[in-house]
Amino acid sequence: MYALEFRISDNNFKSKFEDLARRLENMSYVCKLEQMDDGKYLIIQKFTPKKQRKWLSTSWTPRILFAIVITFVMIDGFYRTAGTNSIINIGDPLEMAGIYTLSLLGILGVHELGHIVAAKIHRLKTTWPFFIPGIPIIGIPTFGAFIQSRGLTINREILFDVAIAGPIAGLIIAIIVSMYGAYTAPILQEDIAQGLFAESRLIEWNQGEPLFMTASLALFGKGGPGHEVIMTPVLFAAWIGFLITFLNLLPAWQLDGGHMARTLLGSKLHRYATFGSMAILVLLNYWLMAMLILVLSSRNPSATPLDDISPLSKNRKLAYIGIIGLAILCAPIPSNFMFNFLS
């Protein structure tokens, strides 16, 4: 393909390149920066915007998916409440299903809203959120949501800012939901709980507990031995929120954490970080997610900004250290994980 190449001698090219890239994109040209042996080069090419798949381009698709997800979450909340009520009454199933739906979709919706707001700040066009239906009752009613960029990602800082905004926004709501769930969750005395376990009316939770949820329960004196906390639909919504946040913060593939890791580590180290993330998922017994990342990352490893030369700012590097800490606090760590790991 025909291209124009210009050698750059100006070291203060970052903001100038951003302005140039936006202007050229409007004219159906793309420019990128490349580091060569004899210096930095600006490369300009004509490009044809990729046509979106028809089902992604229509405005009805996200609306239909959102309606399906609301229905699935409501059904899931109704049956979970009815099941809990057979042990201890927590409220009207339809009312609790509404609170559950508001809690779960609030976490996911605010997560995507964080991405959209950050994208708008950086003048990056995106689609509306596409909510992914899950498997209600026997699984989880939604597998999260995603948005697609309708423009070119110009530099590492834009990629980082859009990526970090979603998990942080969604996590704030997940913590609020977790605290409300912990406050309202009923508890059973240990002898009563053991009897229900023996009758198989109560099933022990073995999917791991995020440290954020542990802290929420401890805040209201519901942690520790001596009693069993009932996993209400609201607590389950918080757990899903923490799980999705944890998965998104992994430095893998094109997850939010993967985009952040890509801006900081570069493409080669990001590939190793993706393999490391899969190993963590295997240790936590999330084999299916690990295999999914392996397949998807082999097809499309990572996002590449047009300016892949300018380094990430110091504040963003420090922010990423905080992201690692948040990922640990959101991880669904089994109660016997450390024992098994150390033994």
Protein backbone atom coordinates (compact mmCIF):
# COMPACT_ATOMS: atom_id res chain seq x y z
CA MET A 1 0.00 0.00 0.00
CA TYR A 2 1.27 3.48 -0.87
CA ALA A 3 2.49 5.48 2.12
CA LEU A 4 4.18 8.79 2.88
CA GLU A 5 7.03 8.76 5.39
CA PHE A 6 8.39 11.78 7.26
CA ARG A 7 11.32 11.76 9.65
CA ILE A 8 10.54 13.62 12.89
CA SER A 9 13.16 15.70 14.65
CA ASP A 10 10.78 17.49 17.03
CA ASN A 11 10.81 15.77 20.45
CA ASN A 12 7.62 17.54 21.49
CA PHE A 13 5.53 15.66 18.95
CA LYS A 14 3.00 13.92 21.18
CA SER A 15 0.20 16.53 21.31
CA LYS A 16 0.89 17.63 17.72
CA PHE A 17 0.56 14.05 16.53
CA GLU A 18 -2.76 13.67 18.36
CA ASP A 19 -4.21 16.71 16.57
CA LEU A 20 -2.84 15.53 13.22
CA ALA A 21 -4.24 12.01 13.68
CA ARG A 22 -7.75 13.35 14.37
CA ARG A 23 -7.69 15.59 11.30
CA LEU A 24 -6.42 12.85 9.01
CA GLU A 25 -8.95 10.34 10.33
CA ASN A 26 -11.76 12.70 9.27
CA MET A 27 -10.21 12.69 5.79
CA SER A 28 -9.98 8.84 5.69
CA TYR A 29 -6.23 8.84 6.27
CA VAL A 30 -4.38 7.13 9.09
CA CYS A 31 -1.00 8.15 10.45
CA LYS A 32 1.21 6.26 12.86
CA LEU A 33 4.56 6.72 14.53
CA GLU A 34 7.33 4.18 14.21
CA GLN A 35 10.76 4.04 15.79
CA MET A 36 13.43 3.10 13.24
CA ASP A 37 17.19 2.80 13.46
CA ASP A 38 17.81 6.35 12.28
CA GLY A 39 15.01 8.03 14.24
CA LYS A 40 11.25 8.46 14.55
CA TYR A 41 9.08 8.40 11.44
CA LEU A 42 5.56 9.57 10.73
CA ILE A 43 3.82 7.25 8.25
CA ILE A 44 0.62 8.33 6.51
CA GLN A 45 -1.63 5.99 4.54
CA LYS A 46 -5.07 6.05 3.00
CA PHE A 47 -7.48 3.76 4.78
CA THR A 48 -11.03 2.52 4.40
CA PRO A 49 -12.92 2.24 7.70
CA LYS A 50 -13.88 -1.34 8.48
CA LYS A 51 -17.53 -2.04 8.04
CA GLN A 52 -19.15 -3.26 11.21
CA ARG A 53 -21.10 -6.44 11.17
CA LYS A 54 -24.71 -5.72 10.39
CA TRP A 55 -26.00 -6.94 13.74
CA LEU A 56 -23.51 -4.69 15.55
CA SER A 57 -24.27 -1.57 13.52
CA THR A 58 -28.03 -1.52 14.05
CA SER A 59 -29.32 0.49 17.00
CA TRP A 60 -31.81 -2.23 17.87
CA THR A 61 -29.20 -4.86 18.77
CA PRO A 62 -28.04 -3.32 22.08
CA ARG A 63 -31.65 -2.59 23.03
CA ILE A 64 -32.79 -6.14 22.37
CA LEU A 65 -29.81 -7.60 24.23
CA PHE A 66 -30.44 -5.27 27.17
CA ALA A 67 -34.11 -6.35 27.32
CA ILE A 68 -33.08 -10.03 27.23
CA VAL A 69 -30.55 -9.50 30.01
CA ILE A 70 -33.09 -7.66 32.19
CA THR A 71 -35.52 -10.57 31.70
CA PHE A 72 -32.85 -13.16 32.53
CA VAL A 73 -31.70 -11.28 35.63
CA MET A 74 -35.28 -10.83 36.86
CA ILE A 75 -36.00 -14.56 36.40
CA ASP A 76 -32.74 -15.45 38.14
CA GLY A 77 -33.50 -13.11 41.05
CA PHE A 78 -37.04 -14.43 41.44
CA TYR A 79 -35.95 -18.07 41.69
CA ARG A 80 -32.99 -17.30 43.94
CA THR A 81 -35.29 -15.40 46.31
CA ALA A 82 -37.86 -18.18 46.28
CA GLY A 83 -35.13 -20.69 47.09
CA THR A 84 -33.81 -18.56 49.95
CA ASN A 85 -37.34 -18.05 51.29
CA SER A 86 -37.66 -21.82 51.72
CA ILE A 87 -34.99 -21.49 54.41
CA ILE A 88 -35.55 -17.99 55.76
CA ASN A 89 -37.82 -15.26 54.47
CA ILE A 90 -35.99 -12.35 52.84
CA GLY A 91 -38.91 -10.69 51.07
CA ASP A 92 -41.31 -10.88 48.16
CA PRO A 93 -39.60 -12.70 45.24
CA LEU A 94 -40.70 -10.17 42.63
CA GLU A 95 -39.59 -7.22 44.73
CA MET A 96 -36.26 -8.83 45.56
CA ALA A 97 -35.79 -9.70 41.88
CA GLY A 98 -36.16 -5.99 41.07
CA ILE A 99 -33.54 -5.02 43.69
CA TYR A 100 -31.24 -7.76 42.39
CA THR A 101 -31.65 -6.55 38.80
CA LEU A 102 -31.01 -2.94 39.80
CA SER A 103 -27.91 -3.99 41.75
CA LEU A 104 -26.34 -6.21 39.11
CA LEU A 105 -27.14 -4.11 36.06
CA GLY A 106 -26.18 -1.01 38.04
CA ILE A 107 -22.68 -2.43 38.48
CA LEU A 108 -22.35 -3.44 34.84
CA GLY A 109 -24.05 -0.33 33.48
CA VAL A 110 -21.89 2.10 35.46
CA HIS A 111 -18.82 0.10 34.38
CA GLU A 112 -19.67 0.69 30.72
CA LEU A 113 -20.68 4.28 31.43
CA GLY A 114 -17.19 4.86 32.83
CA HIS A 115 -15.71 3.72 29.51
CA ILE A 116 -18.10 5.91 27.52
CA VAL A 117 -17.40 9.04 29.59
CA ALA A 118 -13.62 8.56 29.34
CA ALA A 119 -13.93 7.97 25.60
CA LYS A 120 -15.95 11.16 25.15
CA ILE A 121 -13.38 13.15 27.15
CA HIS A 122 -10.75 11.95 24.68
CA ARG A 123 -13.09 12.56 21.70
CA LEU A 124 -13.25 8.87 20.90
CA LYS A 125 -16.53 7.57 19.46
CA THR A 126 -17.98 4.34 20.80
CA THR A 127 -21.04 2.16 20.38
CA TRP A 128 -23.72 1.74 23.01
CA PRO A 129 -23.08 -1.10 25.49
CA PHE A 130 -23.85 -4.62 24.31
CA PHE A 131 -25.02 -6.67 27.31
CA ILE A 132 -24.27 -10.39 27.04
CA PRO A 133 -27.04 -12.76 28.18
CA GLY A 134 -25.97 -15.54 30.52
CA ILE A 135 -27.60 -18.65 31.93
CA PRO A 136 -30.15 -17.82 34.64
CA ILE A 137 -30.95 -20.06 37.63
CA ILE A 138 -28.25 -22.69 37.01
CA GLY A 139 -25.45 -20.21 36.27
CA ILE A 140 -25.14 -16.45 36.15
CA PRO A 141 -27.76 -14.44 34.21
CA THR A 142 -25.29 -12.21 32.34
CA PHE A 143 -21.67 -12.44 31.28
CA GLY A 144 -21.15 -8.69 31.40
CA ALA A 145 -21.17 -6.11 28.64
CA PHE A 146 -18.84 -4.47 26.15
CA ILE A 147 -18.58 -1.41 23.94
CA GLN A 148 -16.73 -1.03 20.66
CA SER A 149 -14.64 1.91 19.56
CA ARG A 150 -15.70 3.67 16.38
CA GLY A 151 -12.45 5.56 16.07
CA LEU A 152 -8.71 5.01 16.11
CA THR A 153 -6.85 4.84 19.43
CA ILE A 154 -4.21 7.51 19.09
CA ASN A 155 -1.79 6.95 21.96
CA ARG A 156 -1.12 4.87 25.06
CA GLU A 157 -2.59 7.37 27.49
CA ILE A 158 -5.97 7.41 25.75
CA LEU A 159 -6.01 3.60 25.69
CA PHE A 160 -5.12 3.52 29.40
CA ASP A 161 -7.68 6.14 30.47
CA VAL A 162 -10.59 4.53 28.65
CA ALA A 163 -9.61 1.09 29.99
CA ILE A 164 -9.24 2.10 33.64
CA ALA A 165 -12.42 4.19 33.84
CA GLY A 166 -14.83 1.26 33.49
CA PRO A 167 -13.57 -1.07 36.26
CA ILE A 168 -13.11 1.80 38.72
CA ALA A 169 -16.64 3.13 38.14
CA GLY A 170 -18.22 -0.33 38.32
CA LEU A 171 -16.20 -1.29 41.39
CA ILE A 172 -17.53 1.65 43.37
CA ILE A 173 -21.10 0.43 42.76
CA ALA A 174 -20.09 -3.18 43.52
CA ILE A 175 -18.70 -2.12 46.92
CA ILE A 176 -21.92 -0.22 47.71
CA VAL A 177 -24.02 -3.24 46.68
CA SER A 178 -21.77 -5.54 48.73
CA MET A 179 -22.18 -3.41 51.84
CA TYR A 180 -25.96 -3.28 51.40
CA GLY A 181 -26.04 -7.02 50.78
CA ALA A 182 -23.92 -7.69 53.87
CA TYR A 183 -26.13 -5.44 55.99
CA THR A 184 -29.37 -7.15 54.88
CA ALA A 185 -28.09 -10.75 54.65
CA PRO A 186 -29.65 -13.07 57.25
CA ILE A 187 -27.47 -15.38 59.34
CA LEU A 188 -28.14 -18.86 60.71
CA GLN A 189 -26.73 -20.33 63.87
CA GLU A 190 -24.19 -23.04 63.19
CA ASP A 191 -26.27 -25.92 64.60
CA ILE A 192 -29.29 -24.94 62.45
CA ALA A 193 -27.06 -24.52 59.40
CA GLN A 194 -25.49 -27.96 59.92
CA GLY A 195 -28.92 -29.54 59.97
CA LEU A 196 -29.85 -27.82 56.72
CA PHE A 197 -26.55 -28.92 55.18
CA ALA A 198 -27.32 -32.51 56.18
CA GLU A 199 -30.74 -32.26 54.51
CA SER A 200 -29.13 -30.71 51.39
CA ARG A 201 -31.45 -27.71 51.77
CA LEU A 202 -28.38 -25.52 52.26
CA ILE A 203 -25.34 -25.81 50.01
CA GLU A 204 -21.92 -24.57 51.04
CA TRP A 205 -20.59 -21.72 48.92
CA ASN A 206 -17.34 -22.87 47.28
CA GLN A 207 -16.88 -20.34 44.49
CA GLY A 208 -14.47 -18.17 46.43
CA GLU A 209 -15.00 -14.96 48.35
CA PRO A 210 -13.45 -11.62 47.32
CA LEU A 211 -11.67 -9.77 50.12
CA PHE A 212 -13.96 -6.79 49.45
CA MET A 213 -16.97 -9.00 50.31
CA THR A 214 -15.21 -10.42 53.36
CA ALA A 215 -14.60 -6.86 54.57
CA SER A 216 -18.25 -5.91 53.96
CA LEU A 217 -19.46 -8.86 56.05
CA ALA A 218 -16.95 -8.10 58.81
CA LEU A 219 -18.10 -4.48 58.87
CA PHE A 220 -21.54 -5.65 60.05
CA GLY A 221 -20.23 -8.38 62.33
CA LYS A 222 -21.21 -11.22 60.00
CA GLY A 223 -17.82 -12.69 59.30
CA GLY A 224 -15.97 -15.49 61.02
CA PRO A 225 -17.03 -18.84 62.52
CA GLY A 226 -20.09 -19.58 64.62
CA HIS A 227 -22.77 -18.76 62.08
CA GLU A 228 -23.55 -19.06 58.39
CA VAL A 229 -24.32 -16.02 56.21
CA ILE A 230 -27.01 -16.65 53.59
CA MET A 231 -25.95 -15.73 50.06
CA THR A 232 -28.89 -13.50 49.15
CA PRO A 233 -29.53 -12.33 45.58
CA VAL A 234 -28.06 -8.91 46.43
CA LEU A 235 -24.88 -10.46 47.82
CA PHE A 236 -24.74 -12.66 44.72
CA ALA A 237 -25.01 -9.55 42.53
CA ALA A 238 -22.05 -8.05 44.38
CA TRP A 239 -20.10 -11.30 43.97
CA ILE A 240 -20.74 -11.28 40.19
CA GLY A 241 -19.69 -7.62 40.10
CA PHE A 242 -16.42 -8.38 41.88
CA LEU A 243 -15.80 -11.41 39.65
CA ILE A 244 -16.33 -9.45 36.43
CA THR A 245 -14.16 -6.62 37.76
CA PHE A 246 -11.41 -9.10 38.66
CA LEU A 247 -11.53 -10.71 35.23
CA ASN A 248 -11.46 -7.31 33.54
CA LEU A 249 -8.43 -6.21 35.58
CA LEU A 250 -6.31 -9.19 34.57
CA PRO A 251 -3.41 -8.03 32.33
CA ALA A 252 -4.63 -10.31 29.57
CA TRP A 253 -5.60 -10.03 25.91
CA GLN A 254 -7.94 -7.08 25.23
CA LEU A 255 -9.60 -7.03 28.63
CA ASP A 256 -9.48 -3.66 30.38
CA GLY A 257 -6.49 -4.78 32.40
CA GLY A 258 -4.93 -6.10 29.21
CA HIS A 259 -5.19 -2.69 27.58
CA MET A 260 -3.59 -1.09 30.64
CA ALA A 261 -0.80 -3.67 30.72
CA ARG A 262 -0.23 -3.20 26.99
CA THR A 263 0.35 0.54 27.41
CA LEU A 264 2.84 -0.04 30.21
CA LEU A 265 4.66 -3.21 29.17
CA GLY A 266 4.60 -3.13 25.38
CA SER A 267 3.41 -5.92 23.10
CA LYS A 268 5.99 -8.61 23.97
CA LEU A 269 5.70 -8.44 27.76
CA HIS A 270 1.95 -8.10 27.44
CA ARG A 271 1.88 -11.49 25.74
CA TYR A 272 3.66 -13.02 28.75
CA ALA A 273 1.23 -11.23 31.08
CA THR A 274 -1.63 -12.85 29.18
CA PHE A 275 -0.15 -16.32 29.78
CA GLY A 276 0.38 -15.41 33.45
CA SER A 277 -3.26 -14.37 33.74
CA MET A 278 -4.36 -17.71 32.32
CA ALA A 279 -2.23 -19.48 34.94
CA ILE A 280 -3.93 -17.47 37.70
CA LEU A 281 -7.35 -18.44 36.34
CA VAL A 282 -6.35 -22.11 36.29
CA LEU A 283 -5.20 -21.87 39.92
CA LEU A 284 -8.58 -20.39 40.84
CA ASN A 285 -10.31 -23.17 38.87
CA TYR A 286 -11.61 -20.89 36.12
CA TRP A 287 -10.44 -23.16 33.33
CA LEU A 288 -13.10 -22.11 30.84
CA MET A 289 -12.16 -18.42 31.05
CA ALA A 290 -8.47 -19.31 30.71
CA MET A 291 -9.17 -21.32 27.55
CA LEU A 292 -11.35 -18.53 26.14
CA ILE A 293 -8.55 -15.98 26.62
CA LEU A 294 -6.06 -18.39 25.00
CA VAL A 295 -8.23 -18.78 21.89
CA LEU A 296 -9.11 -15.09 21.55
CA SER A 297 -5.59 -13.81 22.21
CA SER A 298 -4.20 -16.09 19.52
CA ARG A 299 -6.52 -14.45 16.98
CA ASN A 300 -6.14 -10.81 18.08
CA PRO A 301 -3.39 -10.34 20.69
CA SER A 302 -3.70 -6.68 21.75
CA ALA A 303 -4.73 -3.19 20.77
CA THR A 304 -1.99 -1.09 19.16
CA PRO A 305 -2.19 2.71 19.44
CA LEU A 306 -1.06 4.84 16.50
CA ASP A 307 1.56 6.47 18.70
CA ASP A 308 3.16 3.46 20.37
CA ILE A 309 6.34 5.40 21.10
CA SER A 310 5.35 8.01 23.68
CA PRO A 311 5.68 6.50 27.16
CA LEU A 312 2.92 6.37 29.74
CA SER A 313 2.93 9.20 32.30
CA LYS A 314 4.27 8.58 35.82
CA ASN A 315 0.84 9.06 37.42
CA ARG A 316 -0.67 6.41 35.19
CA LYS A 317 2.14 4.00 36.03
CA LEU A 318 1.43 4.55 39.73
CA ALA A 319 -2.29 4.08 39.08
CA TYR A 320 -1.57 0.70 37.54
CA ILE A 321 0.07 -0.44 40.79
CA GLY A 322 -3.24 0.38 42.46
CA ILE A 323 -5.06 -1.62 39.78
CA ILE A 324 -3.04 -4.71 40.70
CA GLY A 325 -4.09 -4.25 44.33
CA LEU A 326 -7.76 -3.88 43.35
CA ALA A 327 -7.58 -7.04 41.25
CA ILE A 328 -6.34 -8.98 44.29
CA LEU A 329 -9.14 -7.56 46.46
CA CYS A 330 -11.75 -8.57 43.84
CA ALA A 331 -10.39 -12.07 43.20
CA PRO A 332 -12.71 -14.95 44.20
CA ILE A 333 -10.17 -16.59 46.52
CA PRO A 334 -11.26 -19.97 47.94
CA SER A 335 -11.04 -20.23 51.74
CA ASN A 336 -8.55 -23.10 51.49
CA PHE A 337 -6.54 -21.59 48.63
CA MET A 338 -3.62 -20.35 50.72
CA PHE A 339 -3.48 -23.62 52.67
CA ASN A 340 -3.38 -25.66 49.48
CA PHE A 341 -0.85 -23.31 47.94
CA LEU A 342 1.49 -23.49 50.96
CA SER A 343 1.12 -27.20 51.72
